[in-house]
């Protein structure tokens, strides 16, 4: 999922339907999860970038 307010891609790990908020986790496993209400599905370039980040972190 892509956080459009920050321009970051993360793995969706939670959903608050009442508030329309999704919780995202960093793709490389470092750092903290974050919440956003501004998100969209990743496009093809975002998905490629996500695979690169995961590969560099040894998480693919």
PDB file of N, CA and C in Angstrom:
ATOM      1  N   UNK A   1       0.855  -1.163   0.000  1.00  0.00           N
ATOM      2  CA  UNK A   1       0.000   0.000   0.000  1.00  0.00           C
ATOM      3  C   UNK A   1       0.911   1.240   0.000  1.00  0.00           C
ATOM      4  N   UNK A   2       0.472   2.292  -0.644  1.00  0.00           N
ATOM      5  CA  UNK A   2       1.278   3.516  -0.704  1.00  0.00           C
ATOM      6  C   UNK A   2       0.612   4.621   0.113  1.00  0.00           C
ATOM      7  N   UNK A   3       1.373   5.184   1.032  1.00  0.00           N
ATOM      8  CA  UNK A   3       0.940   6.348   1.808  1.00  0.00           C
ATOM      9  C   UNK A   3       1.172   7.569   0.921  1.00  0.00           C
ATOM     10  N   UNK A   4       0.108   8.143   0.420  1.00  0.00           N
ATOM     11  CA  UNK A   4       0.256   9.260  -0.522  1.00  0.00           C
ATOM     12  C   UNK A   4       0.653  10.562   0.174  1.00  0.00           C
ATOM     13  N   UNK A   5       0.428  10.659   1.478  1.00  0.00           N
ATOM     14  CA  UNK A   5       0.826  11.887   2.175  1.00  0.00           C
ATOM     15  C   UNK A   5       2.335  11.952   2.368  1.00  0.00           C
ATOM     16  N   UNK A   6       2.989  10.781   2.501  1.00  0.00           N
ATOM     17  CA  UNK A   6       4.437  10.733   2.703  1.00  0.00           C
ATOM     18  C   UNK A   6       5.188  10.235   1.475  1.00  0.00           C
ATOM     19  N   UNK A   7       4.462   9.640   0.533  1.00  0.00           N
ATOM     20  CA  UNK A   7       5.109   9.068  -0.639  1.00  0.00           C
ATOM     21  C   UNK A   7       5.856   7.789  -0.325  1.00  0.00           C
ATOM     22  N   UNK A   8       5.484   7.116   0.782  1.00  0.00           N
ATOM     23  CA  UNK A   8       6.164   5.889   1.201  1.00  0.00           C
ATOM     24  C   UNK A   8       5.296   4.679   0.915  1.00  0.00           C
ATOM     25  N   UNK A   9       5.953   3.568   0.624  1.00  0.00           N
ATOM     26  CA  UNK A   9       5.274   2.297   0.408  1.00  0.00           C
ATOM     27  C   UNK A   9       5.475   1.452   1.658  1.00  0.00           C
ATOM     28  N   UNK A  10       4.427   0.778   2.086  1.00  0.00           N
ATOM     29  CA  UNK A  10       4.519  -0.089   3.255  1.00  0.00           C
ATOM     30  C   UNK A  10       3.614  -1.299   3.104  1.00  0.00           C
ATOM     31  N   UNK A  11       3.787  -2.231   4.012  1.00  0.00           N
ATOM     32  CA  UNK A  11       2.944  -3.411   4.064  1.00  0.00           C
ATOM     33  C   UNK A  11       1.777  -3.125   4.994  1.00  0.00           C
ATOM     34  N   UNK A  12       0.565  -3.321   4.518  1.00  0.00           N
ATOM     35  CA  UNK A  12      -0.618  -3.081   5.349  1.00  0.00           C
ATOM     36  C   UNK A  12      -0.686  -4.149   6.436  1.00  0.00           C
ATOM     37  N   UNK A  13      -0.717  -3.714   7.687  1.00  0.00           N
ATOM     38  CA  UNK A  13      -0.780  -4.635   8.818  1.00  0.00           C
ATOM     39  C   UNK A  13      -1.994  -4.386   9.705  1.00  0.00           C
ATOM     40  N   UNK A  14      -2.756  -3.352   9.398  1.00  0.00           N
ATOM     41  CA  UNK A  14      -3.947  -3.060  10.192  1.00  0.00           C
ATOM     42  C   UNK A  14      -4.900  -2.151   9.449  1.00  0.00           C
ATOM     43  N   UNK A  15      -6.170  -2.228   9.844  1.00  0.00           N
ATOM     44  CA  UNK A  15      -7.200  -1.426   9.195  1.00  0.00           C
ATOM     45  C   UNK A  15      -8.207  -0.989  10.237  1.00  0.00           C
ATOM     46  N   UNK A  16      -8.493   0.292  10.280  1.00  0.00           N
ATOM     47  CA  UNK A  16      -9.542   0.850  11.128  1.00  0.00           C
ATOM     48  C   UNK A  16     -10.609   1.392  10.195  1.00  0.00           C
ATOM     49  N   UNK A  17     -11.588   0.547   9.880  1.00  0.00           N
ATOM     50  CA  UNK A  17     -12.629   0.919   8.930  1.00  0.00           C
ATOM     51  C   UNK A  17     -13.470   2.087   9.377  1.00  0.00           C
ATOM     52  N   UNK A  18     -13.658   2.222  10.685  1.00  0.00           N
ATOM     53  CA  UNK A  18     -14.470   3.321  11.218  1.00  0.00           C
ATOM     54  C   UNK A  18     -13.866   4.672  10.883  1.00  0.00           C
ATOM     55  N   UNK A  19     -12.541   4.752  10.958  1.00  0.00           N
ATOM     56  CA  UNK A  19     -11.838   6.011  10.684  1.00  0.00           C
ATOM     57  C   UNK A  19     -11.209   6.055   9.294  1.00  0.00           C
ATOM     58  N   UNK A  20     -11.289   4.955   8.550  1.00  0.00           N
ATOM     59  CA  UNK A  20     -10.677   4.904   7.226  1.00  0.00           C
ATOM     60  C   UNK A  20      -9.169   4.964   7.280  1.00  0.00           C
ATOM     61  N   UNK A  21      -8.599   4.406   8.347  1.00  0.00           N
ATOM     62  CA  UNK A  21      -7.155   4.492   8.556  1.00  0.00           C
ATOM     63  C   UNK A  21      -6.524   3.121   8.357  1.00  0.00           C
ATOM     64  N   UNK A  22      -5.383   3.085   7.697  1.00  0.00           N
ATOM     65  CA  UNK A  22      -4.617   1.857   7.520  1.00  0.00           C
ATOM     66  C   UNK A  22      -3.296   2.002   8.264  1.00  0.00           C
ATOM     67  N   UNK A  23      -2.832   0.902   8.861  1.00  0.00           N
ATOM     68  CA  UNK A  23      -1.529   0.873   9.510  1.00  0.00           C
ATOM     69  C   UNK A  23      -0.559   0.182   8.559  1.00  0.00           C
ATOM     70  N   UNK A  24       0.550   0.852   8.295  1.00  0.00           N
ATOM     71  CA  UNK A  24       1.563   0.329   7.383  1.00  0.00           C
ATOM     72  C   UNK A  24       2.854   0.046   8.146  1.00  0.00           C
ATOM     73  N   UNK A  25       3.541  -1.000   7.713  1.00  0.00           N
ATOM     74  CA  UNK A  25       4.837  -1.355   8.287  1.00  0.00           C
ATOM     75  C   UNK A  25       5.908  -1.139   7.226  1.00  0.00           C
ATOM     76  N   UNK A  26       7.107  -0.729   7.645  1.00  0.00           N
ATOM     77  CA  UNK A  26       8.192  -0.534   6.678  1.00  0.00           C
ATOM     78  C   UNK A  26       8.508  -1.831   5.930  1.00  0.00           C
ATOM     79  N   UNK A  27       8.774  -1.727   4.649  1.00  0.00           N
ATOM     80  CA  UNK A  27       9.044  -2.903   3.828  1.00  0.00           C
ATOM     81  C   UNK A  27      10.309  -3.636   4.237  1.00  0.00           C
ATOM     82  N   UNK A  28      11.297  -2.909   4.725  1.00  0.00           N
ATOM     83  CA  UNK A  28      12.576  -3.532   5.066  1.00  0.00           C
ATOM     84  C   UNK A  28      12.621  -4.048   6.500  1.00  0.00           C
ATOM     85  N   UNK A  29      11.516  -3.891   7.233  1.00  0.00           N
ATOM     86  CA  UNK A  29      11.451  -4.411   8.598  1.00  0.00           C
ATOM     87  C   UNK A  29      12.070  -3.513   9.645  1.00  0.00           C
ATOM     88  N   UNK A  30      12.637  -2.384   9.236  1.00  0.00           N
ATOM     89  CA  UNK A  30      13.234  -1.466  10.212  1.00  0.00           C
ATOM     90  C   UNK A  30      12.280  -0.303  10.468  1.00  0.00           C
ATOM     91  N   UNK A  31      12.392   0.295  11.605  1.00  0.00           N
ATOM     92  CA  UNK A  31      11.531   1.434  11.920  1.00  0.00           C
ATOM     93  C   UNK A  31      10.194   1.004  12.484  1.00  0.00           C
ATOM     94  N   UNK A  32       9.353   1.978  12.683  1.00  0.00           N
ATOM     95  CA  UNK A  32       8.062   1.753  13.321  1.00  0.00           C
ATOM     96  C   UNK A  32       6.939   1.766  12.301  1.00  0.00           C
ATOM     97  N   UNK A  33       5.856   1.073  12.658  1.00  0.00           N
ATOM     98  CA  UNK A  33       4.639   1.128  11.851  1.00  0.00           C
ATOM     99  C   UNK A  33       4.072   2.535  11.927  1.00  0.00           C
ATOM    100  N   UNK A  34       3.269   2.918  10.935  1.00  0.00           N
ATOM    101  CA  UNK A  34       2.637   4.229  10.964  1.00  0.00           C
ATOM    102  C   UNK A  34       1.217   4.137  10.429  1.00  0.00           C
ATOM    103  N   UNK A  35       0.408   5.083  10.825  1.00  0.00           N
ATOM    104  CA  UNK A  35      -0.996   5.150  10.410  1.00  0.00           C
ATOM    105  C   UNK A  35      -1.182   6.261   9.390  1.00  0.00           C
ATOM    106  N   UNK A  36      -2.091   6.020   8.451  1.00  0.00           N
ATOM    107  CA  UNK A  36      -2.413   7.043   7.462  1.00  0.00           C
ATOM    108  C   UNK A  36      -3.858   6.884   6.996  1.00  0.00           C
ATOM    109  N   UNK A  37      -4.443   7.976   6.640  1.00  0.00           N
ATOM    110  CA  UNK A  37      -5.776   7.948   6.025  1.00  0.00           C
ATOM    111  C   UNK A  37      -5.680   8.295   4.543  1.00  0.00           C
ATOM    112  N   UNK A  38      -4.472   8.583   4.087  1.00  0.00           N
ATOM    113  CA  UNK A  38      -4.244   8.939   2.685  1.00  0.00           C
ATOM    114  C   UNK A  38      -3.404   7.844   2.041  1.00  0.00           C
ATOM    115  N   UNK A  39      -4.056   6.951   1.321  1.00  0.00           N
ATOM    116  CA  UNK A  39      -3.365   5.802   0.754  1.00  0.00           C
ATOM    117  C   UNK A  39      -4.036   5.363  -0.542  1.00  0.00           C
ATOM    118  N   UNK A  40      -3.287   4.558  -1.283  1.00  0.00           N
ATOM    119  CA  UNK A  40      -3.813   3.989  -2.523  1.00  0.00           C
ATOM    120  C   UNK A  40      -3.040   2.701  -2.800  1.00  0.00           C
ATOM    121  N   UNK A  41      -3.603   1.831  -3.630  1.00  0.00           N
ATOM    122  CA  UNK A  41      -2.835   0.645  -4.021  1.00  0.00           C
ATOM    123  C   UNK A  41      -1.600   1.074  -4.805  1.00  0.00           C
ATOM    124  N   UNK A  42      -0.515   0.334  -4.668  1.00  0.00           N
ATOM    125  CA  UNK A  42       0.702   0.697  -5.397  1.00  0.00           C
ATOM    126  C   UNK A  42       0.547   0.456  -6.890  1.00  0.00           C
ATOM    127  N   UNK A  43       1.167   1.317  -7.690  1.00  0.00           N
ATOM    128  CA  UNK A  43       1.166   1.095  -9.138  1.00  0.00           C
ATOM    129  C   UNK A  43       2.348   0.177  -9.484  1.00  0.00           C
ATOM    130  N   UNK A  44       2.554  -0.060 -10.745  1.00  0.00           N
ATOM    131  CA  UNK A  44       3.594  -0.992 -11.175  1.00  0.00           C
ATOM    132  C   UNK A  44       4.986  -0.541 -10.737  1.00  0.00           C
ATOM    133  N   UNK A  45       5.273   0.731 -10.831  1.00  0.00           N
ATOM    134  CA  UNK A  45       6.576   1.262 -10.405  1.00  0.00           C
ATOM    135  C   UNK A  45       6.739   1.103  -8.899  1.00  0.00           C
ATOM    136  N   UNK A  46       5.678   1.379  -8.131  1.00  0.00           N
ATOM    137  CA  UNK A  46       5.732   1.204  -6.675  1.00  0.00           C
ATOM    138  C   UNK A  46       6.022  -0.249  -6.312  1.00  0.00           C
ATOM    139  N   UNK A  47       5.375  -1.187  -7.005  1.00  0.00           N
ATOM    140  CA  UNK A  47       5.584  -2.613  -6.716  1.00  0.00           C
ATOM    141  C   UNK A  47       7.021  -3.030  -7.021  1.00  0.00           C
ATOM    142  N   UNK A  48       7.573  -2.518  -8.100  1.00  0.00           N
ATOM    143  CA  UNK A  48       8.968  -2.810  -8.438  1.00  0.00           C
ATOM    144  C   UNK A  48       9.902  -2.240  -7.370  1.00  0.00           C
ATOM    145  N   UNK A  49       9.657  -1.027  -6.960  1.00  0.00           N
ATOM    146  CA  UNK A  49      10.460  -0.383  -5.921  1.00  0.00           C
ATOM    147  C   UNK A  49      10.377  -1.186  -4.613  1.00  0.00           C
ATOM    148  N   UNK A  50       9.173  -1.673  -4.281  1.00  0.00           N
ATOM    149  CA  UNK A  50       8.983  -2.467  -3.062  1.00  0.00           C
ATOM    150  C   UNK A  50       9.806  -3.757  -3.119  1.00  0.00           C
ATOM    151  N   UNK A  51       9.823  -4.394  -4.272  1.00  0.00           N
ATOM    152  CA  UNK A  51      10.621  -5.623  -4.419  1.00  0.00           C
ATOM    153  C   UNK A  51      12.104  -5.333  -4.240  1.00  0.00           C
ATOM    154  N   UNK A  52      12.571  -4.209  -4.744  1.00  0.00           N
ATOM    155  CA  UNK A  52      13.972  -3.826  -4.598  1.00  0.00           C
ATOM    156  C   UNK A  52      14.309  -3.596  -3.119  1.00  0.00           C
ATOM    157  N   UNK A  53      13.449  -2.884  -2.424  1.00  0.00           N
ATOM    158  CA  UNK A  53      13.679  -2.623  -0.994  1.00  0.00           C
ATOM    159  C   UNK A  53      13.734  -3.931  -0.213  1.00  0.00           C
ATOM    160  N   UNK A  54      12.792  -4.827  -0.484  1.00  0.00           N
ATOM    161  CA  UNK A  54      12.764  -6.114   0.219  1.00  0.00           C
ATOM    162  C   UNK A  54      13.997  -6.952  -0.110  1.00  0.00           C
ATOM    163  N   UNK A  55      14.415  -6.937  -1.364  1.00  0.00           N
ATOM    164  CA  UNK A  55      15.597  -7.710  -1.761  1.00  0.00           C
ATOM    165  C   UNK A  55      16.855  -7.192  -1.066  1.00  0.00           C
ATOM    166  N   UNK A  56      16.989  -5.888  -0.998  1.00  0.00           N
ATOM    167  CA  UNK A  56      18.154  -5.301  -0.316  1.00  0.00           C
ATOM    168  C   UNK A  56      18.164  -5.642   1.161  1.00  0.00           C
ATOM    169  N   UNK A  57      16.991  -5.793   1.750  1.00  0.00           N
ATOM    170  CA  UNK A  57      16.891  -6.117   3.172  1.00  0.00           C
ATOM    171  C   UNK A  57      16.914  -7.627   3.416  1.00  0.00           C
ATOM    172  N   UNK A  58      17.015  -8.417   2.332  1.00  0.00           N
ATOM    173  CA  UNK A  58      17.031  -9.869   2.465  1.00  0.00           C
ATOM    174  C   UNK A  58      15.689 -10.440   2.869  1.00  0.00           C
ATOM    175  N   UNK A  59      14.608  -9.748   2.496  1.00  0.00           N
ATOM    176  CA  UNK A  59      13.266 -10.165   2.913  1.00  0.00           C
ATOM    177  C   UNK A  59      12.424 -10.679   1.757  1.00  0.00           C
ATOM    178  N   UNK A  60      13.027 -10.951   0.633  1.00  0.00           N
ATOM    179  CA  UNK A  60      12.267 -11.447  -0.518  1.00  0.00           C
ATOM    180  C   UNK A  60      12.167 -12.934  -0.523  1.00  0.00           C
TER     181      UNK A  60
END
